[in-house]
Amino acid sequence: MIRRCPSRNRSTAALAGLFALGLVACGGGELSPDRPAPDPSSFPSGAGRTLDQIAAEVGGPSDELVVLPAGRVINRGVDRFGFAVVSVENVPITDASVAIYVSSGGRNALGPFPAAVETLDTKPAYSTELTSSDPDAVEVVYVASIKARSRGPLEMLAVVTSKTLDGTFAARVPLDGEVGEFAAVPTVGDRAPLIHTPTVDDVADLSEIDTRTPPSTMHDEDFADLVGERPVVLLFATPGLCQSRVCGPVVDVAEQVKAEFDGPGADDVGWIQMEIYKNNNPAPGNLREQVRAYHLPSEPWLFVIDRNGRIDTAIEGAFGITELEQAVAAVAR
C-alpha cells in the first residue's frame, strides 16, 4: 500500500502516526539546497530549563506547523535524527532554521541540537518517472545529531524559524517509539548480519526483486559474497510499494552517488538494494527474510559497511546525496 497525504484537519497525533515510517512532501514549495546546521547560539539555551520553558520563550507551542520524525528508532547516546517540517496544510517547509531539544525521565532539556538540511533532488538521469511525477515524493530532510540520556520515553521539542511562516515557533515532536525500544536493529559499530541477497542471475525478470521502473543497478552481487571483503552500501527499500514515499527518492539518490562516486577505492565498493516484501506483496507480516534478519520496524534503511564487515553508517528514512557521498567516502578510503 502507498500512503497518501492526510487532509488538513488531522490532529498532530494522527499525523505522527501516518508519517512514522517516513516523511511527507505534499503540495508545492521551492526546493532548498543543502544547508549546514546553524550555530547553536542562534537558539534558546536548554541548560537548566524544561521543554515548556523553552517553548514559552518563543511564544509557546504553535499551531502553524508540524514536525514529523523520519522513523521510529532512537538509540541511547548520540544519534542521528531525521525529520520533516510541514505547515498545517501539509506543505513542506524547506527554508527553516531548526533545533531539537530532548528530555527524558522528567529531567531538564538537552539541546539545542541544530539541524542540517539535506536535499534528495537528483539529476534527471537518476530520477524515475514515479519519483518525478509523485506530488508526495520527499524533497528534503532535516538532520540533527541528538543525545538521549537513557532508555525509555523521550519528549522532544523543535524550535523553528522560517521566512515562509514569517516567524519563530515551537512545536512538540510526536514520537512513535522509545529510546532503545528497537535495540535489535543493527547500528554503528555492530557487525553487519550475514544475509544472502538475490541477484540478477537468480531471477528470470528483475521485477521479481526490484519494484523500481527501471530497476536499479544494485543487484549484480550477493551481499554474503561481499561483506567482510569489501565496503558495501546495503539499501533496504521498495520504490513501488513504499509505505513512506521515501523509498523511490533514496534509491534515486543511491543510483546517482553510485554512478558519480570517484573517490579512493570507488571501484571496490559493493552496492545492493534489497526489497522489503516477499513476492513484492505488501501484505501484513509478509516481510522478506533479509528484512527480518535486520529486525527493521520501518523502511527504507541504509547501512554503509566497512571492509571489515562493521556498520559505519546506519540511517532510517530519508537521506540526501551529500550524506551518502560522505558515508561512502569514509569506508572506501
C-alpha atoms as a PDB file:
ATOM      1  CA  MET A   1       0.000   0.000   0.000  1.00  0.00           C
ATOM      2  CA  ILE A   2       1.238   3.502  -0.820  1.00  0.00           C
ATOM      3  CA  ARG A   3       0.427   6.089   1.779  1.00  0.00           C
ATOM      4  CA  ARG A   4      -1.388   9.230   0.653  1.00  0.00           C
ATOM      5  CA  CYS A   5      -1.212  12.661   2.241  1.00  0.00           C
ATOM      6  CA  PRO A   6      -3.772  13.286   5.016  1.00  0.00           C
ATOM      7  CA  SER A   7      -6.361  16.005   4.982  1.00  0.00           C
ATOM      8  CA  ARG A   8      -5.518  19.235   6.783  1.00  0.00           C
ATOM      9  CA  ASN A   9      -7.937  18.621   9.648  1.00  0.00           C
ATOM     10  CA  ARG A  10      -5.944  15.707  11.044  1.00  0.00           C
ATOM     11  CA  SER A  11      -4.554  16.169  14.558  1.00  0.00           C
ATOM     12  CA  THR A  12      -0.830  16.297  15.229  1.00  0.00           C
ATOM     13  CA  ALA A  13      -1.012  12.864  16.850  1.00  0.00           C
ATOM     14  CA  ALA A  14      -2.727  11.418  13.802  1.00  0.00           C
ATOM     15  CA  LEU A  15      -0.144  12.975  11.509  1.00  0.00           C
ATOM     16  CA  ALA A  16       2.636  11.455  13.584  1.00  0.00           C
ATOM     17  CA  GLY A  17       1.124   8.008  13.239  1.00  0.00           C
ATOM     18  CA  LEU A  18       0.700   8.392   9.497  1.00  0.00           C
ATOM     19  CA  PHE A  19       4.276   9.500   8.940  1.00  0.00           C
ATOM     20  CA  ALA A  20       6.117   7.348  11.483  1.00  0.00           C
ATOM     21  CA  LEU A  21       7.703   5.400   8.623  1.00  0.00           C
ATOM     22  CA  GLY A  22       8.922   8.388   6.667  1.00  0.00           C
ATOM     23  CA  LEU A  23       8.499  11.992   5.569  1.00  0.00           C
ATOM     24  CA  VAL A  24       5.777  13.885   3.786  1.00  0.00           C
ATOM     25  CA  ALA A  25       6.224  16.294   0.902  1.00  0.00           C
ATOM     26  CA  CYS A  26       2.763  17.237  -0.293  1.00  0.00           C
ATOM     27  CA  GLY A  27       1.997  20.299  -2.329  1.00  0.00           C
ATOM     28  CA  GLY A  28       4.404  22.829  -3.797  1.00  0.00           C
ATOM     29  CA  GLY A  29       7.225  24.902  -2.411  1.00  0.00           C
ATOM     30  CA  GLU A  30      10.610  25.990  -3.650  1.00  0.00           C
ATOM     31  CA  LEU A  31      13.293  23.376  -3.157  1.00  0.00           C
ATOM     32  CA  SER A  32      16.173  24.475  -0.938  1.00  0.00           C
ATOM     33  CA  PRO A  33      19.777  23.380  -1.458  1.00  0.00           C
ATOM     34  CA  ASP A  34      21.801  21.582   1.206  1.00  0.00           C
ATOM     35  CA  ARG A  35      22.456  23.788   4.225  1.00  0.00           C
ATOM     36  CA  PRO A  36      24.773  23.128   7.161  1.00  0.00           C
ATOM     37  CA  ALA A  37      23.396  23.133  10.679  1.00  0.00           C
ATOM     38  CA  PRO A  38      23.107  26.659  12.121  1.00  0.00           C
ATOM     39  CA  ASP A  39      25.133  27.746  15.139  1.00  0.00           C
ATOM     40  CA  PRO A  40      23.617  26.566  18.455  1.00  0.00           C
ATOM     41  CA  SER A  41      23.917  30.118  19.806  1.00  0.00           C
ATOM     42  CA  SER A  42      21.110  31.201  17.473  1.00  0.00           C
ATOM     43  CA  PHE A  43      18.624  29.187  19.561  1.00  0.00           C
ATOM     44  CA  PRO A  44      17.486  29.416  23.200  1.00  0.00           C
ATOM     45  CA  SER A  45      19.727  27.660  25.681  1.00  0.00           C
ATOM     46  CA  GLY A  46      18.380  24.424  27.113  1.00  0.00           C
ATOM     47  CA  ALA A  47      20.594  24.470  30.204  1.00  0.00           C
ATOM     48  CA  GLY A  48      18.614  24.047  33.418  1.00  0.00           C
ATOM     49  CA  ARG A  49      15.277  24.534  31.646  1.00  0.00           C
ATOM     50  CA  THR A  50      12.263  22.420  30.774  1.00  0.00           C
ATOM     51  CA  LEU A  51      10.855  21.989  27.293  1.00  0.00           C
ATOM     52  CA  ASP A  52       7.846  24.080  28.310  1.00  0.00           C
ATOM     53  CA  GLN A  53      10.098  26.946  29.401  1.00  0.00           C
ATOM     54  CA  ILE A  54      11.969  26.840  26.091  1.00  0.00           C
ATOM     55  CA  ALA A  55       8.694  26.848  24.160  1.00  0.00           C
ATOM     56  CA  ALA A  56       7.412  29.781  26.208  1.00  0.00           C
ATOM     57  CA  GLU A  57      10.461  31.855  25.272  1.00  0.00           C
ATOM     58  CA  VAL A  58       9.452  31.764  21.609  1.00  0.00           C
ATOM     59  CA  GLY A  59       5.752  32.294  22.229  1.00  0.00           C
ATOM     60  CA  GLY A  60       4.559  28.847  23.225  1.00  0.00           C
ATOM     61  CA  PRO A  61       3.592  25.790  21.146  1.00  0.00           C
ATOM     62  CA  SER A  62       2.497  26.688  17.624  1.00  0.00           C
ATOM     63  CA  ASP A  63      -0.483  25.535  15.590  1.00  0.00           C
ATOM     64  CA  GLU A  64       1.202  26.783  12.397  1.00  0.00           C
ATOM     65  CA  LEU A  65       3.412  23.779  11.739  1.00  0.00           C
ATOM     66  CA  VAL A  66       4.058  20.111  12.422  1.00  0.00           C
ATOM     67  CA  VAL A  67       7.443  18.430  12.856  1.00  0.00           C
ATOM     68  CA  LEU A  68       7.375  14.820  11.644  1.00  0.00           C
ATOM     69  CA  PRO A  69      10.040  12.227  12.535  1.00  0.00           C
ATOM     70  CA  ALA A  70      11.534  10.216   9.678  1.00  0.00           C
ATOM     71  CA  GLY A  71      11.417   6.976  11.600  1.00  0.00           C
ATOM     72  CA  ARG A  72      10.897   5.153  14.864  1.00  0.00           C
ATOM     73  CA  VAL A  73      14.334   4.083  16.072  1.00  0.00           C
ATOM     74  CA  ILE A  74      16.149   6.242  18.635  1.00  0.00           C
ATOM     75  CA  ASN A  75      19.270   4.886  20.313  1.00  0.00           C
ATOM     76  CA  ARG A  76      20.705   5.850  23.675  1.00  0.00           C
ATOM     77  CA  GLY A  77      23.573   8.336  23.485  1.00  0.00           C
ATOM     78  CA  VAL A  78      24.329  10.419  20.412  1.00  0.00           C
ATOM     79  CA  ASP A  79      22.109   9.511  17.461  1.00  0.00           C
ATOM     80  CA  ARG A  80      21.078  10.844  14.058  1.00  0.00           C
ATOM     81  CA  PHE A  81      17.521  12.189  13.988  1.00  0.00           C
ATOM     82  CA  GLY A  82      15.855  12.935  10.645  1.00  0.00           C
ATOM     83  CA  PHE A  83      12.572  14.804  10.302  1.00  0.00           C
ATOM     84  CA  ALA A  84      10.355  16.988   8.127  1.00  0.00           C
ATOM     85  CA  VAL A  85       8.751  20.349   8.835  1.00  0.00           C
ATOM     86  CA  VAL A  86       5.343  20.954   7.252  1.00  0.00           C
ATOM     87  CA  SER A  87       2.626  23.557   7.575  1.00  0.00           C
ATOM     88  CA  VAL A  88      -0.807  22.602   8.880  1.00  0.00           C
ATOM     89  CA  GLU A  89      -1.862  22.464   5.219  1.00  0.00           C
ATOM     90  CA  ASN A  90       0.803  19.732   4.742  1.00  0.00           C
ATOM     91  CA  VAL A  91       3.009  21.949   2.570  1.00  0.00           C
ATOM     92  CA  PRO A  92       6.709  21.209   3.229  1.00  0.00           C
ATOM     93  CA  ILE A  93       8.720  23.996   4.847  1.00  0.00           C
ATOM     94  CA  THR A  94      12.200  23.751   3.328  1.00  0.00           C
ATOM     95  CA  ASP A  95      13.666  27.130   4.324  1.00  0.00           C
ATOM     96  CA  ALA A  96      13.589  26.692   8.104  1.00  0.00           C
ATOM     97  CA  SER A  97      16.341  27.000  10.674  1.00  0.00           C
ATOM     98  CA  VAL A  98      15.601  24.292  13.253  1.00  0.00           C
ATOM     99  CA  ALA A  99      16.972  22.984  16.533  1.00  0.00           C
ATOM    100  CA  ILE A 100      15.790  19.963  18.520  1.00  0.00           C
ATOM    101  CA  TYR A 101      15.614  19.717  22.326  1.00  0.00           C
ATOM    102  CA  VAL A 102      15.073  16.457  24.219  1.00  0.00           C
ATOM    103  CA  SER A 103      14.071  15.486  27.726  1.00  0.00           C
ATOM    104  CA  SER A 104      13.864  12.054  29.317  1.00  0.00           C
ATOM    105  CA  GLY A 105      12.736  10.877  32.728  1.00  0.00           C
ATOM    106  CA  GLY A 106      11.372  14.308  33.662  1.00  0.00           C
ATOM    107  CA  ARG A 107      14.812  15.887  33.517  1.00  0.00           C
ATOM    108  CA  ASN A 108      15.628  19.317  32.175  1.00  0.00           C
ATOM    109  CA  ALA A 109      16.239  19.624  28.474  1.00  0.00           C
ATOM    110  CA  LEU A 110      19.310  18.724  26.492  1.00  0.00           C
ATOM    111  CA  GLY A 111      19.991  20.953  23.492  1.00  0.00           C
ATOM    112  CA  PRO A 112      19.810  22.827  21.302  1.00  0.00           C
ATOM    113  CA  PHE A 113      20.772  20.301  18.627  1.00  0.00           C
ATOM    114  CA  PRO A 114      20.702  22.269  15.322  1.00  0.00           C
ATOM    115  CA  ALA A 115      19.643  20.507  12.134  1.00  0.00           C
ATOM    116  CA  ALA A 116      21.282  20.496   8.716  1.00  0.00           C
ATOM    117  CA  VAL A 117      19.155  20.335   5.566  1.00  0.00           C
ATOM    118  CA  GLU A 118      19.810  17.588   3.015  1.00  0.00           C
ATOM    119  CA  THR A 119      18.211  17.597  -0.436  1.00  0.00           C
ATOM    120  CA  LEU A 120      17.099  14.436  -2.207  1.00  0.00           C
ATOM    121  CA  ASP A 121      16.906  16.219  -5.549  1.00  0.00           C
ATOM    122  CA  THR A 122      18.786  14.169  -8.159  1.00  0.00           C
ATOM    123  CA  LYS A 123      19.813  14.785 -11.740  1.00  0.00           C
ATOM    124  CA  PRO A 124      17.095  13.867 -14.278  1.00  0.00           C
ATOM    125  CA  ALA A 125      19.043  10.809 -15.417  1.00  0.00           C
ATOM    126  CA  TYR A 126      18.599   9.234 -11.976  1.00  0.00           C
ATOM    127  CA  SER A 127      15.035  10.335 -11.212  1.00  0.00           C
ATOM    128  CA  THR A 128      12.415   7.801 -12.243  1.00  0.00           C
ATOM    129  CA  GLU A 129       9.023   8.799 -13.593  1.00  0.00           C
ATOM    130  CA  LEU A 130       7.416   7.515 -10.391  1.00  0.00           C
ATOM    131  CA  THR A 131       9.510   9.865  -8.286  1.00  0.00           C
ATOM    132  CA  SER A 132       9.391  12.923 -10.536  1.00  0.00           C
ATOM    133  CA  SER A 133       5.609  12.684 -11.040  1.00  0.00           C
ATOM    134  CA  ASP A 134       4.765  11.931  -7.405  1.00  0.00           C
ATOM    135  CA  PRO A 135       3.493  15.051  -5.591  1.00  0.00           C
ATOM    136  CA  ASP A 136       4.178  13.294  -2.286  1.00  0.00           C
ATOM    137  CA  ALA A 137       7.809  12.350  -3.010  1.00  0.00           C
ATOM    138  CA  VAL A 138      10.267  13.601  -0.401  1.00  0.00           C
ATOM    139  CA  GLU A 139      12.411  16.581  -1.400  1.00  0.00           C
ATOM    140  CA  VAL A 140      14.416  17.477   1.714  1.00  0.00           C
ATOM    141  CA  VAL A 141      15.168  16.026   5.113  1.00  0.00           C
ATOM    142  CA  TYR A 142      16.288  17.885   8.240  1.00  0.00           C
ATOM    143  CA  VAL A 143      19.016  16.042  10.144  1.00  0.00           C
ATOM    144  CA  ALA A 144      20.108  16.723  13.731  1.00  0.00           C
ATOM    145  CA  SER A 145      22.564  14.873  15.942  1.00  0.00           C
ATOM    146  CA  ILE A 146      20.675  14.473  19.225  1.00  0.00           C
ATOM    147  CA  LYS A 147      21.558  12.943  22.584  1.00  0.00           C
ATOM    148  CA  ALA A 148      19.305  10.743  24.724  1.00  0.00           C
ATOM    149  CA  ARG A 149      20.449  10.092  28.276  1.00  0.00           C
ATOM    150  CA  SER A 150      18.637   6.836  28.971  1.00  0.00           C
ATOM    151  CA  ARG A 151      16.283   4.196  27.636  1.00  0.00           C
ATOM    152  CA  GLY A 152      12.562   4.765  27.821  1.00  0.00           C
ATOM    153  CA  PRO A 153      10.118   7.519  26.894  1.00  0.00           C
ATOM    154  CA  LEU A 154      11.559  10.654  25.320  1.00  0.00           C
ATOM    155  CA  GLU A 155       9.991  14.070  24.932  1.00  0.00           C
ATOM    156  CA  MET A 156      11.121  16.276  22.084  1.00  0.00           C
ATOM    157  CA  LEU A 157      10.642  19.921  21.112  1.00  0.00           C
ATOM    158  CA  ALA A 158      11.608  21.733  17.909  1.00  0.00           C
ATOM    159  CA  VAL A 159      12.270  25.473  17.663  1.00  0.00           C
ATOM    160  CA  VAL A 160      11.697  26.551  14.063  1.00  0.00           C
ATOM    161  CA  THR A 161      12.446  29.889  12.368  1.00  0.00           C
ATOM    162  CA  SER A 162      11.014  30.191   8.857  1.00  0.00           C
ATOM    163  CA  LYS A 163      10.593  33.022   6.355  1.00  0.00           C
ATOM    164  CA  THR A 164       7.757  31.044   4.773  1.00  0.00           C
ATOM    165  CA  LEU A 165       5.883  31.073   8.071  1.00  0.00           C
ATOM    166  CA  ASP A 166       7.198  34.564   8.957  1.00  0.00           C
ATOM    167  CA  GLY A 167       8.376  33.896  12.472  1.00  0.00           C
ATOM    168  CA  THR A 168       9.855  31.613  15.105  1.00  0.00           C
ATOM    169  CA  PHE A 169       7.757  28.826  16.536  1.00  0.00           C
ATOM    170  CA  ALA A 170       7.959  25.913  18.943  1.00  0.00           C
ATOM    171  CA  ALA A 171       6.447  22.517  18.160  1.00  0.00           C
ATOM    172  CA  ARG A 172       6.297  19.318  20.133  1.00  0.00           C
ATOM    173  CA  VAL A 173       7.634  16.379  18.118  1.00  0.00           C
ATOM    174  CA  PRO A 174       5.385  13.281  18.308  1.00  0.00           C
ATOM    175  CA  LEU A 175       7.414  10.096  18.554  1.00  0.00           C
ATOM    176  CA  ASP A 176       6.325   6.564  17.663  1.00  0.00           C
ATOM    177  CA  GLY A 177       8.820   4.715  19.809  1.00  0.00           C
ATOM    178  CA  GLU A 178      11.008   4.970  22.887  1.00  0.00           C
ATOM    179  CA  VAL A 179      14.748   5.230  23.290  1.00  0.00           C
ATOM    180  CA  GLY A 180      16.212   1.735  22.994  1.00  0.00           C
ATOM    181  CA  GLU A 181      12.894   0.116  22.032  1.00  0.00           C
ATOM    182  CA  PHE A 182      14.356  -1.261  18.807  1.00  0.00           C
ATOM    183  CA  ALA A 183      17.729  -2.329  20.157  1.00  0.00           C
ATOM    184  CA  ALA A 184      17.780  -5.387  17.867  1.00  0.00           C
ATOM    185  CA  VAL A 185      18.256  -3.177  14.795  1.00  0.00           C
ATOM    186  CA  PRO A 186      21.981  -3.200  13.917  1.00  0.00           C
ATOM    187  CA  THR A 187      23.713   0.121  14.483  1.00  0.00           C
ATOM    188  CA  VAL A 188      27.074   1.823  14.039  1.00  0.00           C
ATOM    189  CA  GLY A 189      29.923  -0.355  15.262  1.00  0.00           C
ATOM    190  CA  ASP A 190      27.954  -3.605  15.066  1.00  0.00           C
ATOM    191  CA  ARG A 191      28.980  -6.401  12.749  1.00  0.00           C
ATOM    192  CA  ALA A 192      26.553  -6.466   9.821  1.00  0.00           C
ATOM    193  CA  PRO A 193      24.286  -9.538   9.955  1.00  0.00           C
ATOM    194  CA  LEU A 194      25.181 -12.001   7.206  1.00  0.00           C
ATOM    195  CA  ILE A 195      22.419 -12.366   4.617  1.00  0.00           C
ATOM    196  CA  HIS A 196      22.136 -13.611   1.069  1.00  0.00           C
ATOM    197  CA  THR A 197      20.597 -11.084  -1.310  1.00  0.00           C
ATOM    198  CA  PRO A 198      19.073 -12.107  -4.664  1.00  0.00           C
ATOM    199  CA  THR A 199      20.927 -11.110  -7.826  1.00  0.00           C
ATOM    200  CA  VAL A 200      20.107 -10.690 -11.489  1.00  0.00           C
ATOM    201  CA  ASP A 201      21.313 -14.263 -12.042  1.00  0.00           C
ATOM    202  CA  ASP A 202      18.734 -15.645  -9.599  1.00  0.00           C
ATOM    203  CA  VAL A 203      15.593 -14.420 -11.344  1.00  0.00           C
ATOM    204  CA  ALA A 204      14.007 -14.565 -14.766  1.00  0.00           C
ATOM    205  CA  ASP A 205      12.924 -10.917 -14.525  1.00  0.00           C
ATOM    206  CA  LEU A 206      14.364  -8.144 -12.358  1.00  0.00           C
ATOM    207  CA  SER A 207      10.857  -7.074 -11.410  1.00  0.00           C
ATOM    208  CA  GLU A 208      10.841 -10.097  -9.086  1.00  0.00           C
ATOM    209  CA  ILE A 209      13.449  -8.406  -6.887  1.00  0.00           C
ATOM    210  CA  ASP A 210      13.020  -4.725  -7.715  1.00  0.00           C
ATOM    211  CA  THR A 211       9.828  -2.627  -7.807  1.00  0.00           C
ATOM    212  CA  ARG A 212      11.592   0.384  -9.348  1.00  0.00           C
ATOM    213  CA  THR A 213      10.971   1.282 -13.019  1.00  0.00           C
ATOM    214  CA  PRO A 214      13.509   0.965 -14.454  1.00  0.00           C
ATOM    215  CA  PRO A 215      15.150  -1.408 -11.971  1.00  0.00           C
ATOM    216  CA  SER A 216      18.143  -0.135 -10.055  1.00  0.00           C
ATOM    217  CA  THR A 217      21.665  -1.248 -10.945  1.00  0.00           C
ATOM    218  CA  MET A 218      22.252  -2.665  -7.464  1.00  0.00           C
ATOM    219  CA  HIS A 219      21.561  -6.379  -7.979  1.00  0.00           C
ATOM    220  CA  ASP A 220      24.780  -7.676  -9.501  1.00  0.00           C
ATOM    221  CA  GLU A 221      26.293  -9.185  -6.355  1.00  0.00           C
ATOM    222  CA  ASP A 222      25.207 -11.165  -3.303  1.00  0.00           C
ATOM    223  CA  PHE A 223      25.807  -9.349  -0.017  1.00  0.00           C
ATOM    224  CA  ALA A 224      27.188 -12.545   1.536  1.00  0.00           C
ATOM    225  CA  ASP A 225      29.976 -12.603  -1.067  1.00  0.00           C
ATOM    226  CA  LEU A 226      31.000  -9.018  -0.303  1.00  0.00           C
ATOM    227  CA  VAL A 227      30.677  -8.368   3.410  1.00  0.00           C
ATOM    228  CA  GLY A 228      33.995  -8.619   5.246  1.00  0.00           C
ATOM    229  CA  GLU A 229      35.872  -8.435   1.946  1.00  0.00           C
ATOM    230  CA  ARG A 230      34.850  -5.047   0.520  1.00  0.00           C
ATOM    231  CA  PRO A 231      32.907  -1.982   1.677  1.00  0.00           C
ATOM    232  CA  VAL A 232      29.181  -2.353   0.959  1.00  0.00           C
ATOM    233  CA  VAL A 233      26.236   0.005   0.606  1.00  0.00           C
ATOM    234  CA  LEU A 234      23.140  -2.007   1.604  1.00  0.00           C
ATOM    235  CA  LEU A 235      19.838  -0.215   0.998  1.00  0.00           C
ATOM    236  CA  PHE A 236      16.552  -1.754   2.122  1.00  0.00           C
ATOM    237  CA  ALA A 237      13.888  -0.020   0.034  1.00  0.00           C
ATOM    238  CA  THR A 238      10.801  -0.786  -2.046  1.00  0.00           C
ATOM    239  CA  PRO A 239      10.262   2.101  -4.519  1.00  0.00           C
ATOM    240  CA  GLY A 240       6.995   0.812  -5.954  1.00  0.00           C
ATOM    241  CA  LEU A 241       5.358  -0.241  -2.681  1.00  0.00           C
ATOM    242  CA  CYS A 242       6.778   2.225  -0.184  1.00  0.00           C
ATOM    243  CA  GLN A 243       4.785   2.943   2.967  1.00  0.00           C
ATOM    244  CA  SER A 244       6.545   6.298   3.449  1.00  0.00           C
ATOM    245  CA  ARG A 245       7.035   7.857  -0.023  1.00  0.00           C
ATOM    246  CA  VAL A 246      10.749   7.866   0.728  1.00  0.00           C
ATOM    247  CA  CYS A 247      11.978   4.675  -0.944  1.00  0.00           C
ATOM    248  CA  GLY A 248      11.820   5.937  -4.522  1.00  0.00           C
ATOM    249  CA  PRO A 249      13.778   9.138  -3.817  1.00  0.00           C
ATOM    250  CA  VAL A 250      16.505   7.429  -1.767  1.00  0.00           C
ATOM    251  CA  VAL A 251      17.071   4.759  -4.436  1.00  0.00           C
ATOM    252  CA  ASP A 252      17.424   7.598  -6.950  1.00  0.00           C
ATOM    253  CA  VAL A 253      19.970   9.216  -4.627  1.00  0.00           C
ATOM    254  CA  ALA A 254      21.904   5.944  -4.340  1.00  0.00           C
ATOM    255  CA  GLU A 255      21.888   5.462  -8.110  1.00  0.00           C
ATOM    256  CA  GLN A 256      23.378   8.925  -8.659  1.00  0.00           C
ATOM    257  CA  VAL A 257      26.063   8.572  -5.980  1.00  0.00           C
ATOM    258  CA  LYS A 258      26.951   5.086  -7.238  1.00  0.00           C
ATOM    259  CA  ALA A 259      27.381   6.391 -10.794  1.00  0.00           C
ATOM    260  CA  GLU A 260      29.327   9.501  -9.855  1.00  0.00           C
ATOM    261  CA  PHE A 261      31.403   8.391  -6.895  1.00  0.00           C
ATOM    262  CA  ASP A 262      35.040   8.678  -7.849  1.00  0.00           C
ATOM    263  CA  GLY A 263      36.793   8.709  -4.508  1.00  0.00           C
ATOM    264  CA  PRO A 264      39.643   6.385  -3.479  1.00  0.00           C
ATOM    265  CA  GLY A 265      38.513   2.771  -3.640  1.00  0.00           C
ATOM    266  CA  ALA A 266      35.342   3.617  -5.570  1.00  0.00           C
ATOM    267  CA  ASP A 267      35.599   0.529  -7.770  1.00  0.00           C
ATOM    268  CA  ASP A 268      35.907  -1.608  -4.664  1.00  0.00           C
ATOM    269  CA  VAL A 269      32.525  -0.661  -3.155  1.00  0.00           C
ATOM    270  CA  GLY A 270      29.578  -3.048  -3.497  1.00  0.00           C
ATOM    271  CA  TRP A 271      26.061  -1.627  -3.937  1.00  0.00           C
ATOM    272  CA  ILE A 272      22.936  -3.613  -3.072  1.00  0.00           C
ATOM    273  CA  GLN A 273      19.260  -2.692  -3.000  1.00  0.00           C
ATOM    274  CA  MET A 274      17.108  -5.139  -1.092  1.00  0.00           C
ATOM    275  CA  GLU A 275      13.315  -5.202  -1.486  1.00  0.00           C
ATOM    276  CA  ILE A 276      11.040  -5.427   1.554  1.00  0.00           C
ATOM    277  CA  TYR A 277       8.155  -7.805   0.810  1.00  0.00           C
ATOM    278  CA  LYS A 278       8.064 -11.458  -0.239  1.00  0.00           C
ATOM    279  CA  ASN A 279       6.925 -11.716  -3.859  1.00  0.00           C
ATOM    280  CA  ASN A 280       6.531  -7.918  -3.708  1.00  0.00           C
ATOM    281  CA  ASN A 281       3.244  -8.416  -1.913  1.00  0.00           C
ATOM    282  CA  PRO A 282       2.852  -5.850   0.899  1.00  0.00           C
ATOM    283  CA  ALA A 283       0.514  -7.978   2.982  1.00  0.00           C
ATOM    284  CA  PRO A 284       0.865  -7.603   6.761  1.00  0.00           C
ATOM    285  CA  GLY A 285       3.766  -9.668   8.047  1.00  0.00           C
ATOM    286  CA  ASN A 286       4.938 -10.593   4.547  1.00  0.00           C
ATOM    287  CA  LEU A 287       8.499  -9.370   5.049  1.00  0.00           C
ATOM    288  CA  ARG A 288      11.451 -10.904   3.243  1.00  0.00           C
ATOM    289  CA  GLU A 289      13.817 -12.937   5.411  1.00  0.00           C
ATOM    290  CA  GLN A 290      16.598 -10.382   4.912  1.00  0.00           C
ATOM    291  CA  VAL A 291      14.433  -7.626   6.420  1.00  0.00           C
ATOM    292  CA  ARG A 292      13.646  -9.865   9.384  1.00  0.00           C
ATOM    293  CA  ALA A 293      17.334 -10.651   9.869  1.00  0.00           C
ATOM    294  CA  TYR A 294      17.982  -6.930  10.380  1.00  0.00           C
ATOM    295  CA  HIS A 295      14.876  -6.544  12.643  1.00  0.00           C
ATOM    296  CA  LEU A 296      13.716  -3.492  10.701  1.00  0.00           C
ATOM    297  CA  PRO A 297      10.482  -1.889  12.001  1.00  0.00           C
ATOM    298  CA  SER A 298      10.262   0.532   9.075  1.00  0.00           C
ATOM    299  CA  GLU A 299      11.606   1.295   5.605  1.00  0.00           C
ATOM    300  CA  PRO A 300      13.761   2.462   3.973  1.00  0.00           C
ATOM    301  CA  TRP A 301      17.026   1.734   5.812  1.00  0.00           C
ATOM    302  CA  LEU A 302      20.590   2.411   4.676  1.00  0.00           C
ATOM    303  CA  PHE A 303      23.649   0.577   6.019  1.00  0.00           C
ATOM    304  CA  VAL A 304      27.145   1.531   4.855  1.00  0.00           C
ATOM    305  CA  ILE A 305      29.540  -1.211   5.923  1.00  0.00           C
ATOM    306  CA  ASP A 306      33.330  -1.079   6.053  1.00  0.00           C
ATOM    307  CA  ARG A 307      35.659  -3.688   4.573  1.00  0.00           C
ATOM    308  CA  ASN A 308      35.854  -5.456   7.948  1.00  0.00           C
ATOM    309  CA  GLY A 309      32.123  -6.085   7.953  1.00  0.00           C
ATOM    310  CA  ARG A 310      31.190  -3.481  10.559  1.00  0.00           C
ATOM    311  CA  ILE A 311      28.477  -0.871  10.148  1.00  0.00           C
ATOM    312  CA  ASP A 312      29.953   2.605   9.707  1.00  0.00           C
ATOM    313  CA  THR A 313      26.670   4.411   8.905  1.00  0.00           C
ATOM    314  CA  ALA A 314      23.068   3.439   9.680  1.00  0.00           C
ATOM    315  CA  ILE A 315      20.201   5.675   8.525  1.00  0.00           C
ATOM    316  CA  GLU A 316      16.465   5.163   8.895  1.00  0.00           C
ATOM    317  CA  GLY A 317      14.258   7.014   6.418  1.00  0.00           C
ATOM    318  CA  ALA A 318      15.352   9.758   4.057  1.00  0.00           C
ATOM    319  CA  PHE A 319      18.943  10.771   3.328  1.00  0.00           C
ATOM    320  CA  GLY A 320      20.460  13.141   0.817  1.00  0.00           C
ATOM    321  CA  ILE A 321      23.210  12.978  -1.771  1.00  0.00           C
ATOM    322  CA  THR A 322      25.840  14.721   0.369  1.00  0.00           C
ATOM    323  CA  GLU A 323      25.200  12.478   3.361  1.00  0.00           C
ATOM    324  CA  LEU A 324      25.568   9.330   1.254  1.00  0.00           C
ATOM    325  CA  GLU A 325      28.676  10.638  -0.527  1.00  0.00           C
ATOM    326  CA  GLN A 326      30.362  11.261   2.821  1.00  0.00           C
ATOM    327  CA  ALA A 327      29.338   7.857   4.184  1.00  0.00           C
ATOM    328  CA  VAL A 328      30.739   6.008   1.151  1.00  0.00           C
ATOM    329  CA  ALA A 329      33.957   8.037   1.135  1.00  0.00           C
ATOM    330  CA  ALA A 330      34.533   7.115   4.798  1.00  0.00           C
ATOM    331  CA  VAL A 331      34.585   3.361   4.089  1.00  0.00           C
ATOM    332  CA  ALA A 332      36.217   3.469   0.652  1.00  0.00           C
ATOM    333  CA  ARG A 333      39.426   5.237   1.627  1.00  0.00           C
END
